[in-house]
Each structure stands twice: as structure tokens, then as C-alpha cells.
C-alpha atoms as a PDB file:
ATOM      1  CA  UNK A   1     -52.717 -30.859  95.157  1.00  0.00           C
ATOM      2  CA  UNK A   2     -50.141 -28.901  96.814  1.00  0.00           C
ATOM      3  CA  UNK A   3     -47.230 -31.592  95.595  1.00  0.00           C
ATOM      4  CA  UNK A   4     -48.548 -31.328  91.963  1.00  0.00           C
ATOM      5  CA  UNK A   5     -48.428 -27.626  91.853  1.00  0.00           C
ATOM      6  CA  UNK A   6     -44.789 -27.676  93.245  1.00  0.00           C
ATOM      7  CA  UNK A   7     -44.002 -30.224  90.387  1.00  0.00           C
ATOM      8  CA  UNK A   8     -45.424 -27.917  88.072  1.00  0.00           C
ATOM      9  CA  UNK A   9     -43.541 -24.964  89.316  1.00  0.00           C
ATOM     10  CA  UNK A  10     -40.284 -26.944  89.049  1.00  0.00           C
ATOM     11  CA  UNK A  11     -40.969 -28.126  85.534  1.00  0.00           C
ATOM     12  CA  UNK A  12     -41.570 -24.574  84.439  1.00  0.00           C
ATOM     13  CA  UNK A  13     -38.557 -23.332  86.248  1.00  0.00           C
ATOM     14  CA  UNK A  14     -36.538 -25.827  84.246  1.00  0.00           C
ATOM     15  CA  UNK A  15     -38.186 -24.976  80.957  1.00  0.00           C
ATOM     16  CA  UNK A  16     -37.483 -21.075  81.446  1.00  0.00           C
ATOM     17  CA  UNK A  17     -33.872 -21.738  82.386  1.00  0.00           C
ATOM     18  CA  UNK A  18     -33.310 -24.118  79.632  1.00  0.00           C
ATOM     19  CA  UNK A  19     -34.623 -21.641  77.091  1.00  0.00           C
ATOM     20  CA  UNK A  20     -32.598 -18.883  78.452  1.00  0.00           C
ATOM     21  CA  UNK A  21     -29.616 -20.753  78.437  1.00  0.00           C
ATOM     22  CA  UNK A  22     -29.912 -21.861  74.966  1.00  0.00           C
ATOM     23  CA  UNK A  23     -30.487 -18.305  73.792  1.00  0.00           C
ATOM     24  CA  UNK A  24     -27.219 -17.547  75.480  1.00  0.00           C
ATOM     25  CA  UNK A  25     -25.417 -20.171  73.541  1.00  0.00           C
ATOM     26  CA  UNK A  26     -26.820 -19.179  69.984  1.00  0.00           C
ATOM     27  CA  UNK A  27     -24.767 -16.362  68.098  1.00  0.00           C
ATOM     28  CA  UNK A  28     -26.269 -13.139  67.822  1.00  0.00           C
ATOM     29  CA  UNK A  29     -26.913 -13.547  64.161  1.00  0.00           C
ATOM     30  CA  UNK A  30     -28.800 -16.811  64.433  1.00  0.00           C
ATOM     31  CA  UNK A  31     -30.974 -14.951  67.113  1.00  0.00           C
ATOM     32  CA  UNK A  32     -31.792 -12.162  64.468  1.00  0.00           C
ATOM     33  CA  UNK A  33     -32.323 -14.432  61.521  1.00  0.00           C
ATOM     34  CA  UNK A  34     -34.501 -16.887  63.937  1.00  0.00           C
ATOM     35  CA  UNK A  35     -37.204 -13.833  64.297  1.00  0.00           C
ATOM     36  CA  UNK A  36     -35.712 -11.898  67.250  1.00  0.00           C
ATOM     37  CA  UNK A  37     -34.781  -8.568  65.623  1.00  0.00           C
ATOM     38  CA  UNK A  38     -34.161  -6.722  69.182  1.00  0.00           C
ATOM     39  CA  UNK A  39     -30.919  -8.595  69.309  1.00  0.00           C
ATOM     40  CA  UNK A  40     -29.520  -6.156  66.695  1.00  0.00           C
ATOM     41  CA  UNK A  41     -30.156  -3.242  69.205  1.00  0.00           C
ATOM     42  CA  UNK A  42     -27.724  -4.695  71.480  1.00  0.00           C
ATOM     43  CA  UNK A  43     -23.710  -4.594  71.240  1.00  0.00           C
ATOM     44  CA  UNK A  44     -22.024  -7.960  70.551  1.00  0.00           C
ATOM     45  CA  UNK A  45     -20.447  -7.844  73.931  1.00  0.00           C
ATOM     46  CA  UNK A  46     -23.894  -7.735  75.598  1.00  0.00           C
END
């Protein structure tokens, strides 16, 4: 059971890192148009 939990934690970690990495690669305008209006509050350099 403990091994299954570690595998689950590893998979979730990979998923969250992947989602964050994809958001870093998307242009700011694509984030805003994609339903993330909070991206407008930050300057382009951020």
C-alpha cells in the first residue's frame, strides 16, 4: 500500500509540474483568452 501511495504522489507531482511548465510556455494573451483573466493583472515581464 505504501508503494502505491508513493507512485500516486510521483504521478501527481509530474502532473502539477507539467501543468505549470505549460503555463510558463504559453503567451500571456493566450492565457487571458483561455479563461485566466488574472493574468492581465501582472506585467508582461512577470
